[in-house]
Amino acid sequence: MSNKVRSFFSSLIRKKDIEEIQAAARNSELKRTLSRFDLISLGVGCTIGTGIFVLTGFVAREYTGPSIAISFVIAGIASSLTAFSYAELSSIIPTSGSAYTFATASMGEFFGWIVGMNLVLEYLVGASTIAVGWSEYLSSLVKVVFKKDMGTKFTASPINYSAHTGFDAVASASQEAKNPQKDLPIGIIVSLLFCTTLYISVSIVMTGVSSYTKIMDGSIAQIFEKHPGAKWIEIVINIGAVAGLSSAILVSLMAQPRMFMVMSEDGLLPSIFSRLHPRFKTPYWSTIITGIICCTLSGFLP
């Protein structure tokens, strides 16, 4: 009995050899087609939608007021500490497992599993939450009438995750990058700097155009609703929001299947999650399952 207990706990802290991980990444069947610009676009696409179109108005109204730009500066500095860590680790261990693999290699499989499940909350549940906000902007664009309490649900849900979340999704594309050791750190850092700069700029304009107390539903577009001659600005923002939130959902649904793929290869999930499409060389079963779960969460738990 004692041997079984000892064996169980030893398996929890069992670490993966870094050279073994690097060799597996080099021999991966995933197609290496992503350039440096592609990686930057992934980071920006996953971050911009959630930060600007979902969170900014709510935070300005409820917490910071006109000083929201300062809060974005502070958040950007704090996020850069994580970004630099991701940049260094992803250049050493260029695997689609991202933080899951980093934790497994440094602390063991148990901690890797915990990190992996936390990333499920970020990507899968996060994508479902973004989808709810996406539907709100789309409804404003096409003038579909929703119930009165829809705005309350929309503004309350995104508060649970950070506006700067997204640059870490770049690491999940490690095994599909042409030159991961050089391009991944640049993709992570540049996407964070770009998004932080844009957040600060938008927040300054937002609180300058209208009083933060008049932001009723967390939406930037609704600031221009009652401004004469500014209806076209509202339409442009709604179109941009639909496009931006779509990209955030897309990148999240790209990152999550690759996380599941690596966990499946390590034996922590069924083998179906690591099966690659014979033509496109992507984890298609993992993508299908992830999409179904995301659609279910966003459709029935708004």
C-alpha atoms as a PDB file:
ATOM      1  CA  MET A   1       0.000   0.000   0.000  1.00  0.00           C
ATOM      2  CA  SER A   2       2.814   2.388   0.913  1.00  0.00           C
ATOM      3  CA  ASN A   3       4.509   1.703  -2.424  1.00  0.00           C
ATOM      4  CA  LYS A   4       1.317   2.581  -4.296  1.00  0.00           C
ATOM      5  CA  VAL A   5       0.919   5.810  -2.334  1.00  0.00           C
ATOM      6  CA  ARG A   6       4.554   6.685  -2.941  1.00  0.00           C
ATOM      7  CA  SER A   7       4.166   5.904  -6.642  1.00  0.00           C
ATOM      8  CA  PHE A   8       1.029   8.054  -6.832  1.00  0.00           C
ATOM      9  CA  PHE A   9       2.663  11.107  -5.300  1.00  0.00           C
ATOM     10  CA  SER A  10       5.824  10.649  -7.351  1.00  0.00           C
ATOM     11  CA  SER A  11       3.709  10.706 -10.520  1.00  0.00           C
ATOM     12  CA  LEU A  12       2.139  13.989  -9.408  1.00  0.00           C
ATOM     13  CA  ILE A  13       5.510  15.731  -9.261  1.00  0.00           C
ATOM     14  CA  ARG A  14       7.018  13.918 -12.248  1.00  0.00           C
ATOM     15  CA  LYS A  15       8.603  16.466 -14.568  1.00  0.00           C
ATOM     16  CA  LYS A  16       9.064  16.364 -18.311  1.00  0.00           C
ATOM     17  CA  ASP A  17      12.590  16.699 -19.639  1.00  0.00           C
ATOM     18  CA  ILE A  18      13.071  19.965 -21.529  1.00  0.00           C
ATOM     19  CA  GLU A  19      15.190  18.333 -24.232  1.00  0.00           C
ATOM     20  CA  GLU A  20      12.455  15.750 -24.733  1.00  0.00           C
ATOM     21  CA  ILE A  21       9.857  18.513 -25.097  1.00  0.00           C
ATOM     22  CA  GLN A  22      12.051  20.379 -27.580  1.00  0.00           C
ATOM     23  CA  ALA A  23      12.574  17.223 -29.642  1.00  0.00           C
ATOM     24  CA  ALA A  24       8.828  16.515 -29.701  1.00  0.00           C
ATOM     25  CA  ALA A  25       8.141  20.085 -30.837  1.00  0.00           C
ATOM     26  CA  ARG A  26      10.686  19.814 -33.653  1.00  0.00           C
ATOM     27  CA  ASN A  27       9.146  16.553 -34.856  1.00  0.00           C
ATOM     28  CA  SER A  28       5.571  17.824 -34.651  1.00  0.00           C
ATOM     29  CA  GLU A  29       3.299  17.156 -37.641  1.00  0.00           C
ATOM     30  CA  LEU A  30       1.695  20.596 -37.356  1.00  0.00           C
ATOM     31  CA  LYS A  31       2.464  22.829 -40.331  1.00  0.00           C
ATOM     32  CA  ARG A  32       4.931  25.641 -39.616  1.00  0.00           C
ATOM     33  CA  THR A  33       3.319  28.449 -41.587  1.00  0.00           C
ATOM     34  CA  LEU A  34       3.029  31.370 -39.133  1.00  0.00           C
ATOM     35  CA  SER A  35       5.333  34.354 -39.613  1.00  0.00           C
ATOM     36  CA  ARG A  36       6.306  37.015 -37.084  1.00  0.00           C
ATOM     37  CA  PHE A  37       3.475  39.258 -38.294  1.00  0.00           C
ATOM     38  CA  ASP A  38       0.996  36.380 -37.953  1.00  0.00           C
ATOM     39  CA  LEU A  39       2.002  35.834 -34.322  1.00  0.00           C
ATOM     40  CA  ILE A  40       1.650  39.533 -33.512  1.00  0.00           C
ATOM     41  CA  SER A  41      -1.781  39.508 -35.156  1.00  0.00           C
ATOM     42  CA  LEU A  42      -2.843  36.542 -33.017  1.00  0.00           C
ATOM     43  CA  GLY A  43      -1.853  38.349 -29.826  1.00  0.00           C
ATOM     44  CA  VAL A  44      -3.543  41.601 -30.829  1.00  0.00           C
ATOM     45  CA  GLY A  45      -6.652  39.830 -32.103  1.00  0.00           C
ATOM     46  CA  CYS A  46      -7.173  37.928 -28.863  1.00  0.00           C
ATOM     47  CA  THR A  47      -6.590  40.977 -26.649  1.00  0.00           C
ATOM     48  CA  ILE A  48      -8.146  43.971 -28.403  1.00  0.00           C
ATOM     49  CA  GLY A  49     -11.721  42.720 -28.548  1.00  0.00           C
ATOM     50  CA  THR A  50     -12.105  41.961 -24.850  1.00  0.00           C
ATOM     51  CA  GLY A  51     -10.261  45.006 -23.571  1.00  0.00           C
ATOM     52  CA  ILE A  52     -11.695  47.855 -25.598  1.00  0.00           C
ATOM     53  CA  PHE A  53     -15.155  46.749 -26.642  1.00  0.00           C
ATOM     54  CA  VAL A  54     -16.251  44.885 -23.514  1.00  0.00           C
ATOM     55  CA  LEU A  55     -14.406  46.133 -20.442  1.00  0.00           C
ATOM     56  CA  THR A  56     -13.383  49.778 -20.903  1.00  0.00           C
ATOM     57  CA  GLY A  57     -16.751  51.494 -20.487  1.00  0.00           C
ATOM     58  CA  PHE A  58     -17.761  49.405 -17.489  1.00  0.00           C
ATOM     59  CA  VAL A  59     -14.503  50.016 -15.606  1.00  0.00           C
ATOM     60  CA  ALA A  60     -14.632  53.762 -16.307  1.00  0.00           C
ATOM     61  CA  ARG A  61     -18.186  54.055 -15.014  1.00  0.00           C
ATOM     62  CA  GLU A  62     -17.942  51.798 -11.972  1.00  0.00           C
ATOM     63  CA  TYR A  63     -14.355  52.182 -10.758  1.00  0.00           C
ATOM     64  CA  THR A  64     -11.891  54.678 -12.232  1.00  0.00           C
ATOM     65  CA  GLY A  65     -13.761  57.505 -13.943  1.00  0.00           C
ATOM     66  CA  PRO A  66     -11.533  59.735 -16.105  1.00  0.00           C
ATOM     67  CA  SER A  67      -8.392  58.152 -14.597  1.00  0.00           C
ATOM     68  CA  ILE A  68      -8.993  54.923 -16.503  1.00  0.00           C
ATOM     69  CA  ALA A  69      -5.978  55.719 -18.714  1.00  0.00           C
ATOM     70  CA  ILE A  70      -3.729  55.601 -15.641  1.00  0.00           C
ATOM     71  CA  SER A  71      -5.187  52.264 -14.601  1.00  0.00           C
ATOM     72  CA  PHE A  72      -4.389  50.881 -18.064  1.00  0.00           C
ATOM     73  CA  VAL A  73      -0.782  52.052 -17.688  1.00  0.00           C
ATOM     74  CA  ILE A  74      -0.504  50.243 -14.344  1.00  0.00           C
ATOM     75  CA  ALA A  75      -2.171  47.131 -15.759  1.00  0.00           C
ATOM     76  CA  GLY A  76       0.155  47.224 -18.761  1.00  0.00           C
ATOM     77  CA  ILE A  77       3.241  47.352 -16.545  1.00  0.00           C
ATOM     78  CA  ALA A  78       1.967  44.448 -14.443  1.00  0.00           C
ATOM     79  CA  SER A  79       1.077  42.443 -17.549  1.00  0.00           C
ATOM     80  CA  SER A  80       4.523  43.039 -19.030  1.00  0.00           C
ATOM     81  CA  LEU A  81       6.069  41.012 -16.191  1.00  0.00           C
ATOM     82  CA  THR A  82       4.022  38.007 -17.263  1.00  0.00           C
ATOM     83  CA  ALA A  83       4.648  38.754 -20.932  1.00  0.00           C
ATOM     84  CA  PHE A  84       8.431  38.743 -20.471  1.00  0.00           C
ATOM     85  CA  SER A  85       8.178  35.408 -18.664  1.00  0.00           C
ATOM     86  CA  TYR A  86       6.099  33.970 -21.494  1.00  0.00           C
ATOM     87  CA  ALA A  87       8.553  35.367 -24.043  1.00  0.00           C
ATOM     88  CA  GLU A  88      11.557  33.750 -22.373  1.00  0.00           C
ATOM     89  CA  LEU A  89       9.922  30.390 -21.675  1.00  0.00           C
ATOM     90  CA  SER A  90       8.324  30.084 -25.113  1.00  0.00           C
ATOM     91  CA  SER A  91      11.693  30.667 -26.774  1.00  0.00           C
ATOM     92  CA  ILE A  92      13.229  27.872 -24.662  1.00  0.00           C
ATOM     93  CA  ILE A  93      10.260  25.499 -24.819  1.00  0.00           C
ATOM     94  CA  PRO A  94       8.442  26.249 -28.112  1.00  0.00           C
ATOM     95  CA  THR A  95       5.437  24.002 -27.642  1.00  0.00           C
ATOM     96  CA  SER A  96       1.713  24.493 -28.151  1.00  0.00           C
ATOM     97  CA  GLY A  97       1.168  23.472 -24.531  1.00  0.00           C
ATOM     98  CA  SER A  98       2.099  27.008 -23.482  1.00  0.00           C
ATOM     99  CA  ALA A  99       1.886  27.548 -19.693  1.00  0.00           C
ATOM    100  CA  TYR A 100       0.717  23.955 -19.153  1.00  0.00           C
ATOM    101  CA  THR A 101       3.999  22.613 -20.527  1.00  0.00           C
ATOM    102  CA  PHE A 102       6.033  25.271 -18.714  1.00  0.00           C
ATOM    103  CA  ALA A 103       4.506  24.191 -15.387  1.00  0.00           C
ATOM    104  CA  THR A 104       4.875  20.476 -16.149  1.00  0.00           C
ATOM    105  CA  ALA A 105       8.554  20.884 -17.012  1.00  0.00           C
ATOM    106  CA  SER A 106       9.344  22.967 -13.931  1.00  0.00           C
ATOM    107  CA  MET A 107       6.996  21.736 -11.171  1.00  0.00           C
ATOM    108  CA  GLY A 108       5.507  18.425 -12.294  1.00  0.00           C
ATOM    109  CA  GLU A 109       2.383  16.977 -13.878  1.00  0.00           C
ATOM    110  CA  PHE A 110       0.012  17.850 -11.026  1.00  0.00           C
ATOM    111  CA  PHE A 111       0.769  21.562 -11.233  1.00  0.00           C
ATOM    112  CA  GLY A 112       0.761  21.324 -15.018  1.00  0.00           C
ATOM    113  CA  TRP A 113      -2.759  19.889 -14.883  1.00  0.00           C
ATOM    114  CA  ILE A 114      -3.935  22.737 -12.620  1.00  0.00           C
ATOM    115  CA  VAL A 115      -2.459  25.341 -14.965  1.00  0.00           C
ATOM    116  CA  GLY A 116      -3.999  23.564 -17.947  1.00  0.00           C
ATOM    117  CA  MET A 117      -7.461  23.652 -16.380  1.00  0.00           C
ATOM    118  CA  ASN A 118      -7.022  27.340 -15.559  1.00  0.00           C
ATOM    119  CA  LEU A 119      -6.260  27.941 -19.214  1.00  0.00           C
ATOM    120  CA  VAL A 120      -9.515  26.174 -20.056  1.00  0.00           C
ATOM    121  CA  LEU A 121     -11.255  28.912 -18.054  1.00  0.00           C
ATOM    122  CA  GLU A 122      -9.323  31.573 -19.945  1.00  0.00           C
ATOM    123  CA  TYR A 123      -9.821  30.287 -23.475  1.00  0.00           C
ATOM    124  CA  LEU A 124     -12.998  28.205 -23.475  1.00  0.00           C
ATOM    125  CA  VAL A 125     -15.096  30.028 -20.886  1.00  0.00           C
ATOM    126  CA  GLY A 126     -13.550  33.339 -21.949  1.00  0.00           C
ATOM    127  CA  ALA A 127     -14.578  32.764 -25.570  1.00  0.00           C
ATOM    128  CA  SER A 128     -18.121  31.995 -24.428  1.00  0.00           C
ATOM    129  CA  THR A 129     -18.232  35.206 -22.406  1.00  0.00           C
ATOM    130  CA  ILE A 130     -16.907  37.263 -25.314  1.00  0.00           C
ATOM    131  CA  ALA A 131     -19.565  35.720 -27.546  1.00  0.00           C
ATOM    132  CA  VAL A 132     -22.259  37.174 -25.277  1.00  0.00           C
ATOM    133  CA  GLY A 133     -20.728  40.640 -25.660  1.00  0.00           C
ATOM    134  CA  TRP A 134     -20.431  40.063 -29.407  1.00  0.00           C
ATOM    135  CA  SER A 135     -24.167  39.405 -29.659  1.00  0.00           C
ATOM    136  CA  GLU A 136     -24.869  42.662 -27.817  1.00  0.00           C
ATOM    137  CA  TYR A 137     -22.866  44.703 -30.322  1.00  0.00           C
ATOM    138  CA  LEU A 138     -24.414  42.812 -33.232  1.00  0.00           C
ATOM    139  CA  SER A 139     -27.890  43.512 -31.884  1.00  0.00           C
ATOM    140  CA  SER A 140     -27.070  47.228 -31.736  1.00  0.00           C
ATOM    141  CA  LEU A 141     -25.830  47.084 -35.310  1.00  0.00           C
ATOM    142  CA  VAL A 142     -28.883  45.366 -36.771  1.00  0.00           C
ATOM    143  CA  LYS A 143     -31.364  46.973 -34.356  1.00  0.00           C
ATOM    144  CA  VAL A 144     -32.653  43.754 -32.867  1.00  0.00           C
ATOM    145  CA  VAL A 145     -34.617  44.360 -29.655  1.00  0.00           C
ATOM    146  CA  PHE A 146     -33.557  42.439 -26.534  1.00  0.00           C
ATOM    147  CA  LYS A 147     -34.986  42.352 -23.041  1.00  0.00           C
ATOM    148  CA  LYS A 148     -34.135  45.182 -20.687  1.00  0.00           C
ATOM    149  CA  ASP A 149     -31.846  43.133 -18.422  1.00  0.00           C
ATOM    150  CA  MET A 150     -29.629  41.956 -21.292  1.00  0.00           C
ATOM    151  CA  GLY A 151     -27.284  44.908 -20.825  1.00  0.00           C
ATOM    152  CA  THR A 152     -26.803  44.066 -17.162  1.00  0.00           C
ATOM    153  CA  LYS A 153     -25.707  40.541 -17.985  1.00  0.00           C
ATOM    154  CA  PHE A 154     -23.441  41.848 -20.700  1.00  0.00           C
ATOM    155  CA  THR A 155     -21.621  44.307 -18.445  1.00  0.00           C
ATOM    156  CA  ALA A 156     -21.294  41.962 -15.467  1.00  0.00           C
ATOM    157  CA  SER A 157     -19.709  38.946 -17.177  1.00  0.00           C
ATOM    158  CA  PRO A 158     -16.457  40.370 -18.594  1.00  0.00           C
ATOM    159  CA  ILE A 159     -15.311  41.787 -15.236  1.00  0.00           C
ATOM    160  CA  ASN A 160     -14.007  38.320 -14.327  1.00  0.00           C
ATOM    161  CA  TYR A 161     -10.997  38.425 -16.607  1.00  0.00           C
ATOM    162  CA  SER A 162      -8.293  40.928 -17.428  1.00  0.00           C
ATOM    163  CA  ALA A 163      -8.317  43.259 -20.390  1.00  0.00           C
ATOM    164  CA  HIS A 164      -4.721  42.317 -21.172  1.00  0.00           C
ATOM    165  CA  THR A 165      -5.385  38.601 -21.458  1.00  0.00           C
ATOM    166  CA  GLY A 166      -4.613  37.408 -24.954  1.00  0.00           C
ATOM    167  CA  PHE A 167      -0.900  37.755 -25.609  1.00  0.00           C
ATOM    168  CA  ASP A 168      -0.346  34.351 -24.005  1.00  0.00           C
ATOM    169  CA  ALA A 169      -2.320  32.766 -26.853  1.00  0.00           C
ATOM    170  CA  VAL A 170       0.699  33.438 -29.066  1.00  0.00           C
ATOM    171  CA  ALA A 171       2.605  30.711 -27.211  1.00  0.00           C
ATOM    172  CA  SER A 172      -0.028  28.143 -28.179  1.00  0.00           C
ATOM    173  CA  ALA A 173       0.990  28.623 -31.821  1.00  0.00           C
ATOM    174  CA  SER A 174       4.622  27.710 -31.097  1.00  0.00           C
ATOM    175  CA  GLN A 175       4.622  24.491 -33.097  1.00  0.00           C
ATOM    176  CA  GLU A 176       3.141  26.259 -36.113  1.00  0.00           C
ATOM    177  CA  ALA A 177       5.584  29.188 -36.169  1.00  0.00           C
ATOM    178  CA  LYS A 178       8.309  29.270 -38.804  1.00  0.00           C
ATOM    179  CA  ASN A 179      10.969  30.533 -36.392  1.00  0.00           C
ATOM    180  CA  PRO A 180       9.561  30.131 -32.865  1.00  0.00           C
ATOM    181  CA  GLN A 181      12.737  30.936 -30.898  1.00  0.00           C
ATOM    182  CA  LYS A 182      12.984  34.427 -32.416  1.00  0.00           C
ATOM    183  CA  ASP A 183       9.432  35.255 -33.450  1.00  0.00           C
ATOM    184  CA  LEU A 184       7.479  34.160 -30.357  1.00  0.00           C
ATOM    185  CA  PRO A 185       9.077  36.648 -27.907  1.00  0.00           C
ATOM    186  CA  ILE A 186       8.610  39.467 -30.428  1.00  0.00           C
ATOM    187  CA  GLY A 187       5.000  38.469 -31.078  1.00  0.00           C
ATOM    188  CA  ILE A 188       4.182  38.411 -27.358  1.00  0.00           C
ATOM    189  CA  ILE A 189       5.872  41.692 -26.405  1.00  0.00           C
ATOM    190  CA  VAL A 190       4.806  43.704 -29.465  1.00  0.00           C
ATOM    191  CA  SER A 191       1.160  42.618 -29.199  1.00  0.00           C
ATOM    192  CA  LEU A 192       1.060  43.632 -25.518  1.00  0.00           C
ATOM    193  CA  LEU A 193       2.675  47.027 -26.183  1.00  0.00           C
ATOM    194  CA  PHE A 194       0.343  47.708 -29.105  1.00  0.00           C
ATOM    195  CA  CYS A 195      -2.786  46.794 -27.147  1.00  0.00           C
ATOM    196  CA  THR A 196      -1.766  48.759 -24.053  1.00  0.00           C
ATOM    197  CA  THR A 197      -1.080  51.860 -26.155  1.00  0.00           C
ATOM    198  CA  LEU A 198      -4.429  51.500 -27.899  1.00  0.00           C
ATOM    199  CA  TYR A 199      -6.269  51.007 -24.576  1.00  0.00           C
ATOM    200  CA  ILE A 200      -4.781  54.205 -23.177  1.00  0.00           C
ATOM    201  CA  SER A 201      -5.621  56.184 -26.327  1.00  0.00           C
ATOM    202  CA  VAL A 202      -9.213  54.943 -26.513  1.00  0.00           C
ATOM    203  CA  SER A 203      -9.845  55.518 -22.802  1.00  0.00           C
ATOM    204  CA  ILE A 204      -8.613  59.120 -23.067  1.00  0.00           C
ATOM    205  CA  VAL A 205     -10.881  59.800 -26.053  1.00  0.00           C
ATOM    206  CA  MET A 206     -13.830  58.001 -24.435  1.00  0.00           C
ATOM    207  CA  THR A 207     -13.752  60.019 -21.209  1.00  0.00           C
ATOM    208  CA  GLY A 208     -13.011  63.212 -23.152  1.00  0.00           C
ATOM    209  CA  VAL A 209     -15.981  62.936 -25.502  1.00  0.00           C
ATOM    210  CA  SER A 210     -18.561  62.232 -22.805  1.00  0.00           C
ATOM    211  CA  SER A 211     -18.838  62.062 -19.034  1.00  0.00           C
ATOM    212  CA  TYR A 212     -18.030  58.601 -17.705  1.00  0.00           C
ATOM    213  CA  THR A 213     -21.261  58.728 -15.676  1.00  0.00           C
ATOM    214  CA  LYS A 214     -23.253  58.621 -18.929  1.00  0.00           C
ATOM    215  CA  ILE A 215     -21.825  55.271 -20.003  1.00  0.00           C
ATOM    216  CA  MET A 216     -24.904  53.218 -19.256  1.00  0.00           C
ATOM    217  CA  ASP A 217     -24.146  49.700 -20.520  1.00  0.00           C
ATOM    218  CA  GLY A 218     -20.365  49.525 -20.796  1.00  0.00           C
ATOM    219  CA  SER A 219     -20.472  50.030 -24.559  1.00  0.00           C
ATOM    220  CA  ILE A 220     -18.245  52.630 -26.183  1.00  0.00           C
ATOM    221  CA  ALA A 221     -20.625  52.979 -29.124  1.00  0.00           C
ATOM    222  CA  GLN A 222     -23.555  54.147 -27.010  1.00  0.00           C
ATOM    223  CA  ILE A 223     -21.574  57.261 -25.996  1.00  0.00           C
ATOM    224  CA  PHE A 224     -22.263  58.651 -29.470  1.00  0.00           C
ATOM    225  CA  GLU A 225     -25.969  57.750 -29.517  1.00  0.00           C
ATOM    226  CA  LYS A 226     -27.193  61.167 -28.398  1.00  0.00           C
ATOM    227  CA  HIS A 227     -24.526  63.256 -30.128  1.00  0.00           C
ATOM    228  CA  PRO A 228     -26.016  65.072 -33.157  1.00  0.00           C
ATOM    229  CA  GLY A 229     -24.310  64.052 -36.385  1.00  0.00           C
ATOM    230  CA  ALA A 230     -22.296  61.300 -34.704  1.00  0.00           C
ATOM    231  CA  LYS A 231     -24.563  58.388 -35.600  1.00  0.00           C
ATOM    232  CA  TRP A 232     -22.063  57.210 -38.198  1.00  0.00           C
ATOM    233  CA  ILE A 233     -19.393  56.918 -35.493  1.00  0.00           C
ATOM    234  CA  GLU A 234     -21.643  54.602 -33.504  1.00  0.00           C
ATOM    235  CA  ILE A 235     -22.161  52.411 -36.583  1.00  0.00           C
ATOM    236  CA  VAL A 236     -18.416  52.269 -37.308  1.00  0.00           C
ATOM    237  CA  ILE A 237     -17.655  51.320 -33.694  1.00  0.00           C
ATOM    238  CA  ASN A 238     -20.296  48.587 -33.725  1.00  0.00           C
ATOM    239  CA  ILE A 239     -18.853  47.145 -36.942  1.00  0.00           C
ATOM    240  CA  GLY A 240     -15.360  47.273 -35.439  1.00  0.00           C
ATOM    241  CA  ALA A 241     -16.612  45.649 -32.246  1.00  0.00           C
ATOM    242  CA  VAL A 242     -18.220  42.751 -34.110  1.00  0.00           C
ATOM    243  CA  ALA A 243     -14.985  42.222 -36.071  1.00  0.00           C
ATOM    244  CA  GLY A 244     -12.735  42.637 -33.018  1.00  0.00           C
ATOM    245  CA  LEU A 245     -14.727  40.343 -30.751  1.00  0.00           C
ATOM    246  CA  SER A 246     -14.929  37.784 -33.567  1.00  0.00           C
ATOM    247  CA  SER A 247     -11.133  37.707 -33.766  1.00  0.00           C
ATOM    248  CA  ALA A 248     -10.872  37.290 -29.983  1.00  0.00           C
ATOM    249  CA  ILE A 249     -13.254  34.321 -30.090  1.00  0.00           C
ATOM    250  CA  LEU A 250     -11.408  32.836 -33.071  1.00  0.00           C
ATOM    251  CA  VAL A 251      -7.975  33.001 -31.428  1.00  0.00           C
ATOM    252  CA  SER A 252      -9.324  31.563 -28.169  1.00  0.00           C
ATOM    253  CA  LEU A 253     -10.879  28.675 -30.092  1.00  0.00           C
ATOM    254  CA  MET A 254      -7.545  28.179 -31.846  1.00  0.00           C
ATOM    255  CA  ALA A 255      -5.474  28.144 -28.657  1.00  0.00           C
ATOM    256  CA  GLN A 256      -7.680  25.825 -26.594  1.00  0.00           C
ATOM    257  CA  PRO A 257      -7.635  22.805 -28.982  1.00  0.00           C
ATOM    258  CA  ARG A 258      -3.841  22.955 -29.129  1.00  0.00           C
ATOM    259  CA  MET A 259      -3.695  22.958 -25.353  1.00  0.00           C
ATOM    260  CA  PHE A 260      -5.943  19.894 -25.300  1.00  0.00           C
ATOM    261  CA  MET A 261      -3.772  18.292 -27.991  1.00  0.00           C
ATOM    262  CA  VAL A 262      -0.603  18.545 -25.893  1.00  0.00           C
ATOM    263  CA  MET A 263      -2.392  17.321 -22.757  1.00  0.00           C
ATOM    264  CA  SER A 264      -3.715  14.379 -24.778  1.00  0.00           C
ATOM    265  CA  GLU A 265      -0.214  13.562 -26.006  1.00  0.00           C
ATOM    266  CA  ASP A 266       0.884  13.497 -22.356  1.00  0.00           C
ATOM    267  CA  GLY A 267      -1.892  11.024 -21.509  1.00  0.00           C
ATOM    268  CA  LEU A 268      -3.989  13.430 -19.447  1.00  0.00           C
ATOM    269  CA  LEU A 269      -6.876  13.487 -21.953  1.00  0.00           C
ATOM    270  CA  PRO A 270      -8.303  10.885 -24.380  1.00  0.00           C
ATOM    271  CA  SER A 271      -6.280  10.303 -27.555  1.00  0.00           C
ATOM    272  CA  ILE A 272      -9.036  11.748 -29.750  1.00  0.00           C
ATOM    273  CA  PHE A 273      -7.927  15.247 -28.706  1.00  0.00           C
ATOM    274  CA  SER A 274      -4.504  14.770 -30.332  1.00  0.00           C
ATOM    275  CA  ARG A 275      -5.687  13.456 -33.705  1.00  0.00           C
ATOM    276  CA  LEU A 276      -4.603  15.652 -36.608  1.00  0.00           C
ATOM    277  CA  HIS A 277      -6.542  16.234 -39.797  1.00  0.00           C
ATOM    278  CA  PRO A 278      -4.881  14.253 -42.618  1.00  0.00           C
ATOM    279  CA  ARG A 279      -4.901  17.254 -44.962  1.00  0.00           C
ATOM    280  CA  PHE A 280      -4.749  20.405 -42.840  1.00  0.00           C
ATOM    281  CA  LYS A 281      -2.596  18.962 -40.010  1.00  0.00           C
ATOM    282  CA  THR A 282      -4.660  20.593 -37.274  1.00  0.00           C
ATOM    283  CA  PRO A 283      -6.234  18.997 -34.154  1.00  0.00           C
ATOM    284  CA  TYR A 284      -9.669  18.874 -35.751  1.00  0.00           C
ATOM    285  CA  TRP A 285     -11.495  16.687 -33.212  1.00  0.00           C
ATOM    286  CA  SER A 286     -10.235  18.870 -30.399  1.00  0.00           C
ATOM    287  CA  THR A 287     -11.406  21.940 -32.328  1.00  0.00           C
ATOM    288  CA  ILE A 288     -14.871  20.467 -32.952  1.00  0.00           C
ATOM    289  CA  ILE A 289     -15.346  19.490 -29.300  1.00  0.00           C
ATOM    290  CA  THR A 290     -14.112  22.881 -28.097  1.00  0.00           C
ATOM    291  CA  GLY A 291     -16.480  24.686 -30.473  1.00  0.00           C
ATOM    292  CA  ILE A 292     -19.488  22.656 -29.338  1.00  0.00           C
ATOM    293  CA  ILE A 293     -18.759  23.348 -25.661  1.00  0.00           C
ATOM    294  CA  CYS A 294     -18.235  27.061 -26.334  1.00  0.00           C
ATOM    295  CA  CYS A 295     -21.482  27.352 -28.314  1.00  0.00           C
ATOM    296  CA  THR A 296     -23.381  25.553 -25.561  1.00  0.00           C
ATOM    297  CA  LEU A 297     -22.015  27.798 -22.801  1.00  0.00           C
ATOM    298  CA  SER A 298     -22.604  31.056 -24.673  1.00  0.00           C
ATOM    299  CA  GLY A 299     -26.045  29.994 -25.926  1.00  0.00           C
ATOM    300  CA  PHE A 300     -27.573  28.608 -22.740  1.00  0.00           C
ATOM    301  CA  LEU A 301     -25.616  30.413 -19.996  1.00  0.00           C
ATOM    302  CA  PRO A 302     -25.539  34.069 -21.102  1.00  0.00           C
END
